[in-house]
Amino acid sequence: MSEVSRRTPFYYGWVIAFSFLISGIAIYGVRFTYGVFFKSLESEFSLSRAATSSILSINLVVSGISAFLMGWALDRYGPKVAMFVMGLLTGLGLVATGFANSLWHLYLTYGVLVAMGIGAVFVVPMATISRWFDRKRGLAAGIASSGIGLGPIILAPLGTYIILNYSWRVAFIVTGFAALIVIIAVSRLLKRSPERHEALPGRNSTLSNEERQDARQQDGLSLSEALRARSFYLILLIYVFFSSSIFFVTTHLVPHVTDAGFSAMDAAAVLSMIGAAAIAGRVLMGIVSDRFGRRFAVVLCALLQSAAILSLIWAREYRMIEVFAVVYGVAYSGMSPSLAALIGDTFGVSRLGTILGVLEVGFGLGAAAGPTVGGYIFDVTGSYHAAFVLWSAAMFTAGLIAFLVRREQSQDVSRLLTLTDST
């Protein structure tokens, strides 16, 4: 960042980070508590588990498309506009879901409208944070995305309470109005990026080490250059495995726990435990990625997720499920900011919103497959054991793939650095 920002006693980037934390509580809370509504919708509309899962799957496919569009809008109009639109669509979509009377209504309201609102929950904060931070990018990304933990902590028990005492319809309507107010209010605090100093071609014949790093990070690859890079497709595979795993677990964990004989509130408490662990995981793994490297943090989180998911096969006592919740919460939540920081390091930040948006299409496809495939496996086998093995293997593979990711370099910056090295 610029020398001016280093001398300023209070850096506005931290306001940006905490603003995204607050809005993330609402958005991530919506995204990861569908399981709380799962059995209510299954019963209300007489659906199979695969069919009930398909509502979320449509949401996740549309979320991927929305992420790409919002990434483009972010690069063009800035985070304030992008987040305002996200809040509007999320709130109206949830309220409309509360009035749904058929499966196709749910597809339209939750599957499409809500998805258009929450789809860019990763892209907009992470691309913006990458523009505001360099050396502390991992920590800032961890703070900005900590809503992924706080959201389920707040909304899972709240949604369950409203469902048990009123109805699932009231729960959607209350959540919708709350999300609308919170997200739109917080969007007013957001700014595009700090002013950056120019250490690029034609200014000096020789670049310092710091200027060389800034040239790499701030210039960045164009989308077309990123699409030609091997690391793009390696990260895309990680996204697919990671997202399918997350949404399989968060969608089917509550039904799995209640199938094991525990109450709905006990099952909601497990989601809250994952959320509590996720808060620590975001910050902890952000620090780990800054200190030991982004790739190390991504690999560590992937392997921990693999082990945690596999452990569910033998988790019979509630205490064992609690241990799963803590380990999984730290690992899955810590992977997102570490992966975002790795992507920023790999491709640079100038077109990062668009690049992340394209990657989020892959994230959406994987996320859509996870709940539906998991529901199908349950319908066919009568248990989730085969699904646990499948996604444990997927996350182990994601960890191996992360070893192969390498920093890519813009052709313009490459020519610049070659020129200055020869002078």
Protein backbone atom coordinates (compact mmCIF):
# COMPACT_ATOMS: atom_id res chain seq x y z
CA MET A 1 0.00 0.00 0.00
CA SER A 2 1.08 3.61 -0.41
CA GLU A 3 3.47 5.42 1.91
CA VAL A 4 0.63 7.79 2.81
CA SER A 5 -1.48 4.94 4.13
CA ARG A 6 1.45 3.65 6.20
CA ARG A 7 1.91 7.01 7.94
CA THR A 8 -1.79 7.48 8.68
CA PRO A 9 -2.53 6.54 12.34
CA PHE A 10 -5.87 4.99 11.43
CA TYR A 11 -6.11 2.92 8.28
CA TYR A 12 -9.59 2.85 6.71
CA GLY A 13 -8.96 -0.64 5.38
CA TRP A 14 -9.86 -2.02 8.80
CA VAL A 15 -13.28 -0.29 8.58
CA ILE A 16 -13.75 -2.09 5.27
CA ALA A 17 -12.79 -5.43 6.85
CA PHE A 18 -15.20 -5.08 9.79
CA SER A 19 -17.97 -3.81 7.53
CA PHE A 20 -17.73 -7.01 5.54
CA LEU A 21 -17.74 -8.99 8.80
CA ILE A 22 -21.09 -7.44 9.79
CA SER A 23 -22.73 -7.87 6.39
CA GLY A 24 -21.30 -11.39 6.26
CA ILE A 25 -23.17 -12.34 9.43
CA ALA A 26 -26.42 -11.82 7.54
CA ILE A 27 -25.35 -13.28 4.20
CA TYR A 28 -23.39 -16.29 5.47
CA GLY A 29 -26.09 -16.89 8.05
CA VAL A 30 -28.58 -17.28 5.21
CA ARG A 31 -26.22 -19.33 3.07
CA PHE A 32 -25.29 -21.91 5.69
CA THR A 33 -28.55 -22.45 7.62
CA TYR A 34 -30.69 -24.00 4.91
CA GLY A 35 -30.40 -27.25 6.86
CA VAL A 36 -32.47 -25.69 9.66
CA PHE A 37 -35.40 -25.35 7.21
CA PHE A 38 -34.74 -28.70 5.50
CA LYS A 39 -37.23 -30.99 7.27
CA SER A 40 -39.91 -28.30 7.44
CA LEU A 41 -39.82 -27.89 3.65
CA GLU A 42 -39.57 -31.66 3.15
CA SER A 43 -42.72 -32.17 5.23
CA GLU A 44 -44.68 -29.15 3.97
CA PHE A 45 -44.32 -30.05 0.30
CA SER A 46 -44.02 -33.88 0.68
CA LEU A 47 -40.55 -33.99 -0.93
CA SER A 48 -37.77 -36.57 -0.99
CA ARG A 49 -34.41 -35.51 0.42
CA ALA A 50 -32.96 -35.27 -3.07
CA ALA A 51 -35.82 -32.98 -4.13
CA THR A 52 -35.50 -30.86 -1.01
CA SER A 53 -31.77 -30.60 -1.66
CA SER A 54 -32.43 -29.53 -5.24
CA ILE A 55 -33.83 -26.20 -4.01
CA LEU A 56 -30.45 -25.36 -2.56
CA SER A 57 -28.68 -26.81 -5.59
CA ILE A 58 -30.49 -24.40 -7.90
CA ASN A 59 -29.60 -21.61 -5.48
CA LEU A 60 -25.94 -22.54 -5.69
CA VAL A 61 -25.83 -22.75 -9.49
CA VAL A 62 -27.43 -19.32 -9.76
CA SER A 63 -25.06 -18.08 -7.03
CA GLY A 64 -22.11 -18.92 -9.25
CA ILE A 65 -23.58 -16.88 -12.10
CA SER A 66 -24.38 -14.03 -9.73
CA ALA A 67 -20.82 -14.08 -8.39
CA PHE A 68 -19.44 -13.54 -11.88
CA LEU A 69 -21.85 -10.66 -12.56
CA MET A 70 -21.17 -9.03 -9.18
CA GLY A 71 -17.42 -9.46 -9.68
CA TRP A 72 -17.70 -7.53 -12.92
CA ALA A 73 -19.90 -4.91 -11.23
CA LEU A 74 -17.39 -4.62 -8.39
CA ASP A 75 -14.51 -3.90 -10.77
CA ARG A 76 -16.64 -1.32 -12.61
CA TYR A 77 -18.78 0.35 -9.92
CA GLY A 78 -17.11 -0.52 -6.62
CA PRO A 79 -18.20 -2.47 -3.51
CA LYS A 80 -20.78 0.06 -2.28
CA VAL A 81 -23.06 -0.47 -5.27
CA ALA A 82 -22.44 -4.23 -5.42
CA MET A 83 -23.25 -4.76 -1.73
CA PHE A 84 -26.37 -2.55 -1.89
CA VAL A 85 -27.78 -4.71 -4.71
CA MET A 86 -26.86 -7.89 -2.81
CA GLY A 87 -28.74 -6.70 0.29
CA LEU A 88 -31.82 -5.75 -1.69
CA LEU A 89 -32.05 -9.08 -3.53
CA THR A 90 -31.30 -11.17 -0.44
CA GLY A 91 -33.93 -9.49 1.72
CA LEU A 92 -36.69 -9.49 -0.88
CA GLY A 93 -35.91 -13.09 -1.87
CA LEU A 94 -36.19 -14.39 1.69
CA VAL A 95 -39.44 -12.55 2.35
CA ALA A 96 -40.89 -13.93 -0.88
CA THR A 97 -39.79 -17.45 0.12
CA GLY A 98 -41.93 -17.11 3.24
CA PHE A 99 -45.00 -16.84 0.97
CA ALA A 100 -44.12 -19.76 -1.35
CA ASN A 101 -46.92 -22.28 -1.95
CA SER A 102 -45.30 -24.82 -4.24
CA LEU A 103 -41.93 -26.30 -5.15
CA TRP A 104 -41.53 -24.11 -8.22
CA HIS A 105 -42.18 -21.04 -6.06
CA LEU A 106 -39.25 -22.11 -3.87
CA TYR A 107 -37.10 -22.61 -6.96
CA LEU A 108 -37.89 -19.06 -8.05
CA THR A 109 -37.64 -17.24 -4.70
CA TYR A 110 -34.92 -19.12 -2.80
CA GLY A 111 -33.32 -20.80 -5.79
CA VAL A 112 -33.00 -17.69 -7.95
CA LEU A 113 -33.77 -14.42 -6.14
CA VAL A 114 -31.96 -15.18 -2.87
CA ALA A 115 -29.07 -16.68 -4.85
CA MET A 116 -28.63 -13.46 -6.84
CA GLY A 117 -28.22 -11.68 -3.51
CA ILE A 118 -25.88 -13.99 -1.63
CA GLY A 119 -23.88 -15.38 -4.56
CA ALA A 120 -21.02 -12.88 -4.36
CA VAL A 121 -20.56 -13.14 -0.59
CA PHE A 122 -16.99 -14.34 -1.18
CA VAL A 123 -16.08 -12.39 -4.31
CA VAL A 124 -16.94 -8.84 -3.25
CA PRO A 125 -15.26 -8.87 0.19
CA MET A 126 -12.17 -10.81 -0.87
CA ALA A 127 -11.48 -8.81 -4.03
CA THR A 128 -11.96 -5.55 -2.12
CA ILE A 129 -9.76 -6.64 0.80
CA SER A 130 -7.03 -7.71 -1.62
CA ARG A 131 -6.95 -4.13 -2.96
CA TRP A 132 -6.73 -2.62 0.52
CA PHE A 133 -4.13 -4.98 2.02
CA ASP A 134 -0.89 -6.65 1.00
CA ARG A 135 1.30 -7.88 3.87
CA LYS A 136 -1.64 -8.42 6.24
CA ARG A 137 -3.97 -9.66 3.53
CA GLY A 138 -4.52 -13.04 5.19
CA LEU A 139 -5.49 -11.52 8.55
CA ALA A 140 -7.74 -8.89 6.97
CA ALA A 141 -9.45 -11.51 4.80
CA GLY A 142 -9.96 -13.65 7.89
CA ILE A 143 -11.65 -10.80 9.75
CA ALA A 144 -13.75 -9.76 6.75
CA SER A 145 -15.06 -13.28 6.27
CA SER A 146 -15.63 -14.13 9.95
CA GLY A 147 -19.35 -13.68 9.37
CA ILE A 148 -19.22 -17.24 8.06
CA GLY A 149 -18.91 -18.28 11.70
CA LEU A 150 -21.05 -15.68 13.42
CA GLY A 151 -23.87 -16.03 10.89
CA PRO A 152 -24.75 -19.65 11.74
CA ILE A 153 -24.21 -18.99 15.46
CA ILE A 154 -26.93 -16.34 15.37
CA LEU A 155 -29.29 -17.50 12.64
CA ALA A 156 -29.30 -21.29 13.22
CA PRO A 157 -30.78 -21.17 16.76
CA LEU A 158 -32.89 -18.09 15.93
CA GLY A 159 -34.37 -19.77 12.86
CA THR A 160 -34.99 -22.99 14.79
CA TYR A 161 -36.70 -21.10 17.62
CA ILE A 162 -39.01 -19.24 15.22
CA ILE A 163 -39.84 -22.44 13.32
CA LEU A 164 -40.68 -24.36 16.52
CA ASN A 165 -42.75 -21.53 18.02
CA TYR A 166 -44.29 -19.99 14.91
CA SER A 167 -43.53 -21.46 11.47
CA TRP A 168 -40.85 -21.75 8.82
CA ARG A 169 -42.65 -19.04 6.86
CA VAL A 170 -42.30 -16.52 9.68
CA ALA A 171 -38.63 -17.49 10.04
CA PHE A 172 -37.93 -16.66 6.38
CA ILE A 173 -39.81 -13.34 6.57
CA VAL A 174 -38.06 -12.17 9.77
CA THR A 175 -34.66 -13.19 8.40
CA GLY A 176 -35.39 -11.38 5.15
CA PHE A 177 -36.20 -8.04 6.72
CA ALA A 178 -33.19 -8.29 9.05
CA ALA A 179 -30.84 -9.05 6.14
CA LEU A 180 -32.25 -6.22 4.05
CA ILE A 181 -31.66 -3.63 6.78
CA VAL A 182 -28.21 -4.80 7.90
CA ILE A 183 -26.61 -5.32 4.48
CA ILE A 184 -27.85 -2.08 2.93
CA ALA A 185 -26.81 -0.06 6.00
CA VAL A 186 -23.29 -1.51 6.03
CA SER A 187 -22.86 -1.01 2.27
CA ARG A 188 -22.70 2.76 2.84
CA LEU A 189 -19.34 2.39 4.61
CA LEU A 190 -17.58 0.66 1.72
CA LYS A 191 -15.01 2.26 -0.60
CA ARG A 192 -13.41 0.93 -3.76
CA SER A 193 -9.68 1.05 -2.85
CA PRO A 194 -6.99 3.34 -1.44
CA GLU A 195 -4.94 5.48 -3.77
CA ARG A 196 -1.88 3.57 -4.85
CA HIS A 197 1.50 4.98 -5.79
CA GLU A 198 2.75 4.49 -9.32
CA ALA A 199 5.82 2.31 -9.61
CA LEU A 200 5.18 1.22 -13.15
CA PRO A 201 6.75 1.59 -16.61
CA GLY A 202 8.25 4.90 -17.68
CA ARG A 203 8.64 6.28 -14.16
CA ASN A 204 12.08 4.92 -13.25
CA SER A 205 14.65 2.84 -15.03
CA THR A 206 15.25 0.78 -11.91
CA LEU A 207 12.65 -0.63 -9.49
CA SER A 208 13.25 -1.38 -5.82
CA ASN A 209 12.30 -4.80 -4.43
CA GLU A 210 9.18 -3.28 -2.88
CA GLU A 211 8.22 -1.61 -6.15
CA ARG A 212 8.78 -4.86 -8.03
CA GLN A 213 6.40 -6.65 -5.65
CA ASP A 214 3.86 -3.83 -6.00
CA ALA A 215 4.08 -4.02 -9.78
CA ARG A 216 3.32 -7.74 -9.68
CA GLN A 217 0.47 -7.42 -7.19
CA GLN A 218 -1.24 -4.23 -8.35
CA ASP A 219 -1.04 -4.80 -12.10
CA GLY A 220 -2.24 -8.39 -12.11
CA LEU A 221 -3.35 -10.68 -14.88
CA SER A 222 -6.22 -9.92 -17.18
CA LEU A 223 -9.03 -12.46 -17.32
CA SER A 224 -7.78 -13.80 -20.65
CA GLU A 225 -4.28 -14.26 -19.22
CA ALA A 226 -5.67 -16.00 -16.13
CA LEU A 227 -7.69 -18.37 -18.31
CA ARG A 228 -4.48 -19.43 -20.07
CA ALA A 229 -2.68 -20.16 -16.78
CA ARG A 230 -2.42 -23.68 -15.37
CA SER A 231 -2.86 -22.42 -11.81
CA PHE A 232 -6.33 -21.09 -12.70
CA TYR A 233 -7.61 -24.58 -13.44
CA LEU A 234 -5.89 -26.09 -10.42
CA ILE A 235 -7.63 -23.53 -8.19
CA LEU A 236 -10.90 -24.18 -10.04
CA LEU A 237 -10.66 -27.89 -9.12
CA ILE A 238 -10.00 -26.96 -5.49
CA TYR A 239 -13.08 -24.74 -5.60
CA VAL A 240 -15.29 -27.55 -6.94
CA PHE A 241 -14.15 -30.08 -4.32
CA PHE A 242 -14.27 -27.52 -1.51
CA SER A 243 -17.72 -26.13 -2.31
CA SER A 244 -19.36 -29.51 -2.87
CA SER A 245 -18.00 -30.62 0.50
CA ILE A 246 -19.16 -27.51 2.38
CA PHE A 247 -22.71 -27.62 1.13
CA PHE A 248 -23.07 -31.36 1.50
CA VAL A 249 -22.08 -31.01 5.17
CA THR A 250 -24.08 -27.87 6.01
CA THR A 251 -27.21 -29.15 4.23
CA HIS A 252 -27.26 -32.71 5.54
CA LEU A 253 -25.62 -32.38 8.95
CA VAL A 254 -28.85 -31.34 10.72
CA PRO A 255 -30.87 -34.22 9.16
CA HIS A 256 -28.00 -36.63 9.97
CA VAL A 257 -27.86 -35.54 13.61
CA THR A 258 -31.64 -35.75 14.07
CA ASP A 259 -31.68 -39.16 12.33
CA ALA A 260 -29.21 -40.28 15.00
CA GLY A 261 -31.82 -39.53 17.67
CA PHE A 262 -30.88 -36.03 18.79
CA SER A 263 -33.32 -33.11 18.95
CA ALA A 264 -33.67 -30.33 16.40
CA MET A 265 -32.18 -27.84 18.88
CA ASP A 266 -29.22 -30.19 19.47
CA ALA A 267 -28.68 -30.33 15.72
CA ALA A 268 -28.92 -26.54 15.38
CA ALA A 269 -26.41 -26.25 18.22
CA VAL A 270 -23.94 -28.28 16.15
CA LEU A 271 -24.20 -25.71 13.35
CA SER A 272 -23.62 -22.99 15.95
CA MET A 273 -20.53 -24.84 17.21
CA ILE A 274 -19.19 -24.97 13.67
CA GLY A 275 -19.87 -21.24 13.43
CA ALA A 276 -18.07 -20.50 16.71
CA ALA A 277 -15.05 -22.53 15.64
CA ALA A 278 -15.18 -20.79 12.26
CA ILE A 279 -14.59 -17.39 13.85
CA ALA A 280 -11.34 -18.58 15.37
CA GLY A 281 -10.47 -20.50 12.20
CA ARG A 282 -10.78 -17.44 9.95
CA VAL A 283 -8.43 -15.32 12.02
CA LEU A 284 -6.05 -18.14 12.98
CA MET A 285 -5.60 -19.44 9.44
CA GLY A 286 -5.30 -15.89 8.14
CA ILE A 287 -2.32 -15.41 10.44
CA VAL A 288 -0.92 -18.83 9.47
CA SER A 289 -1.18 -17.94 5.78
CA ASP A 290 0.64 -14.61 6.35
CA ARG A 291 3.40 -16.28 8.35
CA PHE A 292 3.88 -19.69 6.74
CA GLY A 293 2.47 -19.13 3.28
CA ARG A 294 -0.92 -19.27 1.60
CA ARG A 295 -0.35 -22.69 0.09
CA PHE A 296 0.60 -24.24 3.43
CA ALA A 297 -2.60 -22.91 5.05
CA VAL A 298 -4.80 -24.18 2.19
CA VAL A 299 -3.25 -27.67 2.32
CA LEU A 300 -3.57 -27.85 6.12
CA CYS A 301 -7.24 -26.80 6.06
CA ALA A 302 -8.09 -29.28 3.29
CA LEU A 303 -6.53 -32.23 5.12
CA LEU A 304 -8.24 -31.33 8.40
CA GLN A 305 -11.60 -31.20 6.62
CA SER A 306 -10.94 -34.61 5.07
CA ALA A 307 -10.26 -36.17 8.48
CA ALA A 308 -13.23 -34.44 10.15
CA ILE A 309 -15.77 -35.55 7.52
CA LEU A 310 -14.55 -39.13 7.64
CA SER A 311 -14.92 -39.15 11.44
CA LEU A 312 -18.70 -38.71 11.11
CA ILE A 313 -18.98 -42.38 10.15
CA TRP A 314 -18.04 -43.36 13.71
CA ALA A 315 -19.57 -40.38 15.57
CA ARG A 316 -22.32 -41.95 17.68
CA GLU A 317 -22.16 -39.87 20.85
CA TYR A 318 -22.99 -36.19 20.90
CA ARG A 319 -19.53 -35.35 22.24
CA MET A 320 -17.94 -36.91 19.15
CA ILE A 321 -20.17 -34.75 16.95
CA GLU A 322 -19.04 -31.70 18.94
CA VAL A 323 -15.39 -32.58 18.27
CA PHE A 324 -16.21 -32.86 14.57
CA ALA A 325 -17.90 -29.44 14.68
CA VAL A 326 -14.84 -27.74 16.19
CA VAL A 327 -12.28 -29.29 13.85
CA TYR A 328 -14.43 -28.85 10.75
CA GLY A 329 -15.37 -25.28 11.68
CA VAL A 330 -11.74 -24.21 12.05
CA ALA A 331 -10.66 -25.99 8.88
CA TYR A 332 -13.38 -25.09 6.40
CA SER A 333 -13.62 -21.47 7.56
CA GLY A 334 -9.86 -21.00 7.52
CA MET A 335 -9.57 -22.29 3.98
CA SER A 336 -11.60 -19.51 2.34
CA PRO A 337 -9.45 -16.49 3.34
CA SER A 338 -6.27 -18.49 2.79
CA LEU A 339 -7.46 -19.48 -0.68
CA ALA A 340 -8.50 -15.87 -1.43
CA ALA A 341 -5.07 -14.60 -0.39
CA LEU A 342 -3.42 -17.31 -2.50
CA ILE A 343 -5.50 -16.26 -5.53
CA GLY A 344 -4.52 -12.61 -4.99
CA ASP A 345 -0.86 -13.60 -4.79
CA THR A 346 -1.19 -15.84 -7.84
CA PHE A 347 -2.98 -13.46 -10.25
CA GLY A 348 -2.57 -9.96 -8.78
CA VAL A 349 -5.47 -7.76 -7.70
CA SER A 350 -6.33 -5.30 -10.47
CA ARG A 351 -8.87 -7.65 -12.16
CA LEU A 352 -9.40 -9.88 -9.16
CA GLY A 353 -13.16 -9.28 -8.91
CA THR A 354 -13.72 -10.64 -12.40
CA ILE A 355 -11.29 -13.56 -11.94
CA LEU A 356 -12.88 -14.53 -8.62
CA GLY A 357 -16.29 -14.22 -10.26
CA VAL A 358 -15.35 -16.77 -12.92
CA LEU A 359 -13.91 -19.10 -10.28
CA GLU A 360 -17.14 -18.75 -8.31
CA VAL A 361 -19.04 -20.26 -11.23
CA GLY A 362 -17.05 -23.43 -10.56
CA PHE A 363 -17.69 -23.00 -6.86
CA GLY A 364 -21.42 -22.78 -7.56
CA LEU A 365 -21.44 -25.91 -9.71
CA GLY A 366 -19.60 -27.91 -7.05
CA ALA A 367 -21.82 -26.51 -4.32
CA ALA A 368 -24.93 -27.42 -6.29
CA ALA A 369 -23.75 -31.00 -6.74
CA GLY A 370 -22.93 -31.53 -3.06
CA PRO A 371 -26.41 -31.40 -1.46
CA THR A 372 -28.17 -33.21 -4.31
CA VAL A 373 -25.63 -36.01 -4.63
CA GLY A 374 -25.58 -36.40 -0.85
CA GLY A 375 -29.39 -36.58 -0.76
CA TYR A 376 -29.40 -39.13 -3.58
CA ILE A 377 -26.84 -41.30 -1.78
CA PHE A 378 -29.02 -41.23 1.34
CA ASP A 379 -32.18 -42.07 -0.63
CA VAL A 380 -30.45 -45.07 -2.25
CA THR A 381 -28.41 -46.44 0.67
CA GLY A 382 -30.37 -45.25 3.71
CA SER A 383 -27.32 -43.57 5.26
CA TYR A 384 -24.69 -40.91 4.62
CA HIS A 385 -21.65 -43.19 5.11
CA ALA A 386 -20.73 -43.47 1.43
CA ALA A 387 -21.13 -39.70 1.09
CA PHE A 388 -18.79 -39.10 4.02
CA VAL A 389 -16.13 -41.25 2.33
CA LEU A 390 -16.64 -39.47 -1.00
CA TRP A 391 -16.16 -35.95 0.36
CA SER A 392 -13.34 -36.95 2.65
CA ALA A 393 -11.49 -38.18 -0.45
CA ALA A 394 -12.42 -34.99 -2.35
CA MET A 395 -10.88 -32.73 0.29
CA PHE A 396 -7.76 -34.90 0.53
CA THR A 397 -7.37 -34.50 -3.23
CA ALA A 398 -7.89 -30.73 -2.96
CA GLY A 399 -5.01 -30.57 -0.51
CA LEU A 400 -2.72 -32.39 -2.94
CA ILE A 401 -3.72 -30.10 -5.82
CA ALA A 402 -2.87 -26.99 -3.77
CA PHE A 403 0.80 -28.04 -3.76
CA LEU A 404 0.89 -27.46 -7.53
CA VAL A 405 -0.37 -23.84 -7.57
CA ARG A 406 2.31 -21.33 -8.60
CA ARG A 407 2.34 -17.53 -8.96
CA GLU A 408 1.41 -16.33 -12.43
CA GLN A 409 2.68 -13.08 -13.94
CA SER A 410 1.12 -10.52 -16.27
CA GLN A 411 2.86 -10.21 -19.62
CA ASP A 412 3.15 -6.44 -19.15
CA VAL A 413 4.79 -6.80 -15.74
CA SER A 414 7.01 -9.59 -17.04
CA ARG A 415 8.32 -7.31 -19.79
CA LEU A 416 8.81 -4.51 -17.27
CA LEU A 417 10.79 -6.65 -14.85
CA THR A 418 12.88 -8.11 -17.65
CA LEU A 419 13.65 -4.59 -18.91
CA THR A 420 14.63 -3.24 -15.49
CA ASP A 421 16.75 -6.30 -14.74
CA SER A 422 18.75 -5.64 -17.91
CA THR A 423 19.41 -1.95 -17.12
